[in-house]
Amino acid sequence: MATEVEEAFIQADAREYTDVASEVLETTEQGHGRRETRRYRTLGDLSGVPRSALW
């Protein structure tokens, strides 16, 4: 299942997320003398992922 979801992200990324329902969340934390920024992307439509109902 994880491989199928990863493939969905690879395909969406190759299309630069054009016509792909997705959201981006960014968090920033500071501590221990450094600043960390994390970016997360979610796909809103997993209909192209086999077995997506199991997700």
Protein backbone atom coordinates (compact mmCIF):
# COMPACT_ATOMS: atom_id res chain seq x y z
CA MET A 1 0.00 0.00 0.00
CA ALA A 2 2.76 2.47 0.91
CA THR A 3 4.40 1.90 -2.47
CA GLU A 4 1.13 2.67 -4.26
CA VAL A 5 0.66 5.92 -2.33
CA GLU A 6 4.29 6.87 -2.95
CA GLU A 7 3.75 6.29 -6.67
CA ALA A 8 0.69 8.59 -6.58
CA PHE A 9 2.87 11.36 -5.11
CA ILE A 10 5.62 10.74 -7.68
CA GLN A 11 3.10 11.01 -10.52
CA ALA A 12 1.50 14.16 -9.05
CA ASP A 13 4.92 15.73 -8.53
CA ALA A 14 5.91 14.98 -12.13
CA ARG A 15 2.80 16.94 -13.22
CA GLU A 16 3.70 19.68 -10.71
CA TYR A 17 0.37 18.97 -8.98
CA THR A 18 -1.56 20.42 -11.93
CA ASP A 19 -5.18 19.24 -11.78
CA VAL A 20 -4.39 17.30 -8.57
CA ALA A 21 -6.37 18.02 -5.41
CA SER A 22 -3.69 18.63 -2.78
CA GLU A 23 -2.93 20.80 0.23
CA VAL A 24 0.35 22.04 1.69
CA LEU A 25 0.98 22.64 5.39
CA GLU A 26 4.13 24.31 6.67
CA THR A 27 5.33 24.38 10.27
CA THR A 28 8.31 26.22 11.71
CA GLU A 29 9.98 25.47 15.03
CA GLN A 30 12.96 27.05 16.70
CA GLY A 31 15.08 25.54 19.43
CA HIS A 32 18.55 24.33 20.33
CA GLY A 33 20.09 27.08 18.21
CA ARG A 34 18.39 26.10 14.97
CA ARG A 35 15.22 26.76 13.06
CA GLU A 36 13.39 23.91 11.34
CA THR A 37 10.76 24.31 8.65
CA ARG A 38 8.73 21.30 7.60
CA ARG A 39 6.44 21.13 4.59
CA TYR A 40 3.76 18.48 4.23
CA ARG A 41 1.62 17.78 1.19
CA THR A 42 -1.53 15.72 1.17
CA LEU A 43 -3.42 14.36 -1.80
CA GLY A 44 -7.16 14.88 -1.68
CA ASP A 45 -8.10 12.25 -4.26
CA LEU A 46 -6.70 8.75 -3.99
CA SER A 47 -9.11 7.24 -6.53
CA GLY A 48 -6.15 6.36 -8.76
CA VAL A 49 -4.47 4.38 -5.99
CA PRO A 50 -5.34 0.68 -6.00
CA ARG A 51 -6.68 -0.45 -2.61
CA SER A 52 -7.10 3.21 -1.50
CA ALA A 53 -10.17 2.19 0.51
CA LEU A 54 -7.75 0.42 2.88
CA TRP A 55 -5.85 3.64 3.56
